Amino acid sequence: MTKQQSDRAGRPCPFCRIAAGEEPAHLILDEPEVVAFLDRRPLFKGHTLVIPRGHVDTLADCPPATMPVLMAAVQRLAGVIPAAVGADGTFVAMNNVVSQSVPHLHVHVVPRRRGDGLRGFFWPRVRYASDAEAEEYAVRIRAAL
């Protein structure tokens, strides 16, 4: 039995409910460690979410042993979705906390077509003031590792 968690408001995690078969979803993949299903509010038709079956809030919380299985499922779906839905490719993305509408780790596999209207990343880009500032950030992140 998969451990189910609650969201911030104390409601059962909807993705845990889908993984347990307690919440309806259009399942794409149902395996012992991962589940994939159509997003209810897709960017484009065929937009699929891939989740670990066990509850994990964010990528940083994911057990290392789960990552290869999760990403192998993402890779398989990214490889077949274009032909399945007549797309040119896919966009693969994951949010952690910010913009994560359901606090259960999930990877988006979104069909893409040339000229579909999505433009790169959905947020403004910034520049480092100098190479020294960029190196300062690199040092801070390396130190955190």
Protein backbone atom coordinates (compact mmCIF):
# COMPACT_ATOMS: atom_id res chain seq x y z
CA MET A 1 0.00 0.00 0.00
CA THR A 2 1.34 3.41 -0.95
CA LYS A 3 1.72 5.94 1.83
CA GLN A 4 -0.61 8.84 1.14
CA GLN A 5 0.05 12.36 2.28
CA SER A 6 -2.12 15.41 2.77
CA ASP A 7 -1.81 18.76 1.07
CA ARG A 8 -1.20 21.99 2.97
CA ALA A 9 -4.92 22.27 3.75
CA GLY A 10 -5.08 18.73 5.17
CA ARG A 11 -6.85 17.20 2.16
CA PRO A 12 -5.56 13.85 0.84
CA CYS A 13 -2.91 14.28 -1.88
CA PRO A 14 -4.78 14.03 -5.21
CA PHE A 15 -1.80 12.39 -6.94
CA CYS A 16 -1.52 9.75 -4.20
CA ARG A 17 -5.25 9.13 -4.70
CA ILE A 18 -4.72 8.70 -8.45
CA ALA A 19 -1.79 6.33 -7.84
CA ALA A 20 -3.96 4.29 -5.46
CA GLY A 21 -6.84 4.13 -7.95
CA GLU A 22 -9.08 6.19 -5.66
CA GLU A 23 -9.30 9.23 -7.95
CA PRO A 24 -10.23 8.96 -11.63
CA ALA A 25 -7.57 9.82 -14.18
CA HIS A 26 -6.74 8.98 -17.76
CA LEU A 27 -3.86 6.62 -16.99
CA ILE A 28 -1.06 6.29 -19.50
CA LEU A 29 1.37 4.21 -17.45
CA ASP A 30 0.69 2.21 -14.29
CA GLU A 31 3.82 0.52 -12.97
CA PRO A 32 4.97 -0.52 -9.48
CA GLU A 33 7.06 2.63 -8.90
CA VAL A 34 5.62 5.23 -11.30
CA VAL A 35 2.28 6.35 -12.66
CA ALA A 36 1.61 8.61 -15.65
CA PHE A 37 -1.70 10.23 -16.56
CA LEU A 38 -3.08 13.04 -18.68
CA ASP A 39 -2.99 16.51 -17.12
CA ARG A 40 -6.53 17.73 -16.45
CA ARG A 41 -5.60 21.23 -17.64
CA PRO A 42 -3.16 20.51 -20.47
CA LEU A 43 -1.02 23.04 -22.27
CA PHE A 44 -1.68 20.90 -25.37
CA LYS A 45 -3.68 17.69 -25.79
CA GLY A 46 -1.53 14.73 -24.74
CA HIS A 47 0.18 16.70 -21.90
CA THR A 48 1.15 13.93 -19.47
CA LEU A 49 2.23 13.98 -15.82
CA VAL A 50 4.65 11.34 -14.53
CA ILE A 51 4.80 10.78 -10.77
CA PRO A 52 6.51 8.45 -8.33
CA ARG A 53 3.85 6.16 -6.88
CA GLY A 54 5.05 6.84 -3.34
CA HIS A 55 4.50 10.35 -2.03
CA VAL A 56 7.43 12.70 -2.58
CA ASP A 57 6.94 16.47 -2.26
CA THR A 58 9.78 17.77 -4.44
CA LEU A 59 12.78 16.67 -6.47
CA ALA A 60 15.08 17.30 -3.49
CA ASP A 61 12.98 14.87 -1.40
CA CYS A 62 13.04 12.08 -3.99
CA PRO A 63 14.91 8.94 -2.91
CA PRO A 64 17.95 8.44 -5.17
CA ALA A 65 16.78 4.92 -6.09
CA THR A 66 13.50 6.33 -7.46
CA MET A 67 15.14 8.79 -9.85
CA PRO A 68 16.31 6.31 -12.51
CA VAL A 69 12.88 4.68 -12.65
CA LEU A 70 11.05 8.03 -12.79
CA MET A 71 13.32 9.49 -15.44
CA ALA A 72 13.26 6.29 -17.51
CA ALA A 73 9.47 6.58 -17.62
CA VAL A 74 9.75 10.26 -18.60
CA GLN A 75 12.24 9.32 -21.33
CA ARG A 76 9.96 6.59 -22.70
CA LEU A 77 6.97 8.93 -22.80
CA ALA A 78 8.97 11.77 -24.37
CA GLY A 79 9.97 9.27 -27.04
CA VAL A 80 6.48 8.05 -27.93
CA ILE A 81 4.18 11.03 -27.34
CA PRO A 82 5.16 12.91 -30.52
CA ALA A 83 4.18 10.03 -32.81
CA ALA A 84 1.12 9.19 -30.71
CA VAL A 85 -0.37 12.69 -30.96
CA GLY A 86 1.17 13.99 -34.18
CA ALA A 87 3.63 16.36 -32.50
CA ASP A 88 7.15 17.39 -33.53
CA GLY A 89 8.71 16.88 -30.09
CA THR A 90 8.14 17.41 -26.38
CA PHE A 91 8.82 19.89 -23.61
CA VAL A 92 9.81 18.22 -20.32
CA ALA A 93 9.54 20.30 -17.14
CA MET A 94 9.25 20.08 -13.37
CA ASN A 95 8.38 22.70 -10.76
CA ASN A 96 9.56 22.54 -7.15
CA VAL A 97 7.44 24.43 -4.60
CA VAL A 98 7.02 27.62 -6.69
CA SER A 99 4.34 26.98 -9.36
CA GLN A 100 3.93 23.41 -8.11
CA SER A 101 0.12 23.23 -7.99
CA VAL A 102 0.10 19.78 -6.35
CA PRO A 103 2.81 19.16 -3.72
CA HIS A 104 3.69 15.72 -5.10
CA LEU A 105 6.71 15.48 -7.40
CA HIS A 106 5.57 15.37 -11.01
CA VAL A 107 7.23 15.73 -14.38
CA HIS A 108 5.34 17.32 -17.28
CA VAL A 109 5.79 15.77 -20.72
CA VAL A 110 4.13 18.21 -23.11
CA PRO A 111 3.72 17.60 -26.85
CA ARG A 112 5.18 20.44 -28.94
CA ARG A 113 4.65 21.49 -32.52
CA ARG A 114 6.57 24.10 -34.45
CA GLY A 115 4.62 27.36 -34.26
CA ASP A 116 2.47 26.20 -31.31
CA GLY A 117 2.84 29.55 -29.55
CA LEU A 118 5.05 28.54 -26.62
CA ARG A 119 8.20 30.61 -26.58
CA GLY A 120 11.17 29.22 -24.67
CA PHE A 121 10.89 29.72 -20.97
CA PHE A 122 7.85 31.44 -19.53
CA TRP A 123 9.71 33.96 -17.38
CA PRO A 124 12.05 36.89 -17.98
CA ARG A 125 15.78 36.20 -18.24
CA VAL A 126 18.42 38.17 -16.35
CA ARG A 127 22.14 38.68 -16.87
CA TYR A 128 25.02 38.54 -14.43
CA ALA A 129 26.64 41.94 -13.99
CA SER A 130 30.05 40.38 -14.68
CA ASP A 131 31.95 37.10 -14.89
CA ALA A 132 33.00 37.74 -11.28
CA GLU A 133 29.37 37.83 -10.15
CA ALA A 134 28.62 34.63 -12.08
CA GLU A 135 31.62 32.93 -10.46
CA GLU A 136 30.41 34.13 -7.03
CA TYR A 137 27.11 32.28 -7.60
CA ALA A 138 28.94 29.20 -8.89
CA VAL A 139 31.11 29.15 -5.74
CA ARG A 140 28.05 29.43 -3.46
CA ILE A 141 26.27 26.55 -5.21
CA ARG A 142 29.38 24.33 -5.28
CA ALA A 143 29.86 24.97 -1.56
CA ALA A 144 26.26 23.92 -0.88
CA LEU A 145 26.89 20.59 -2.63
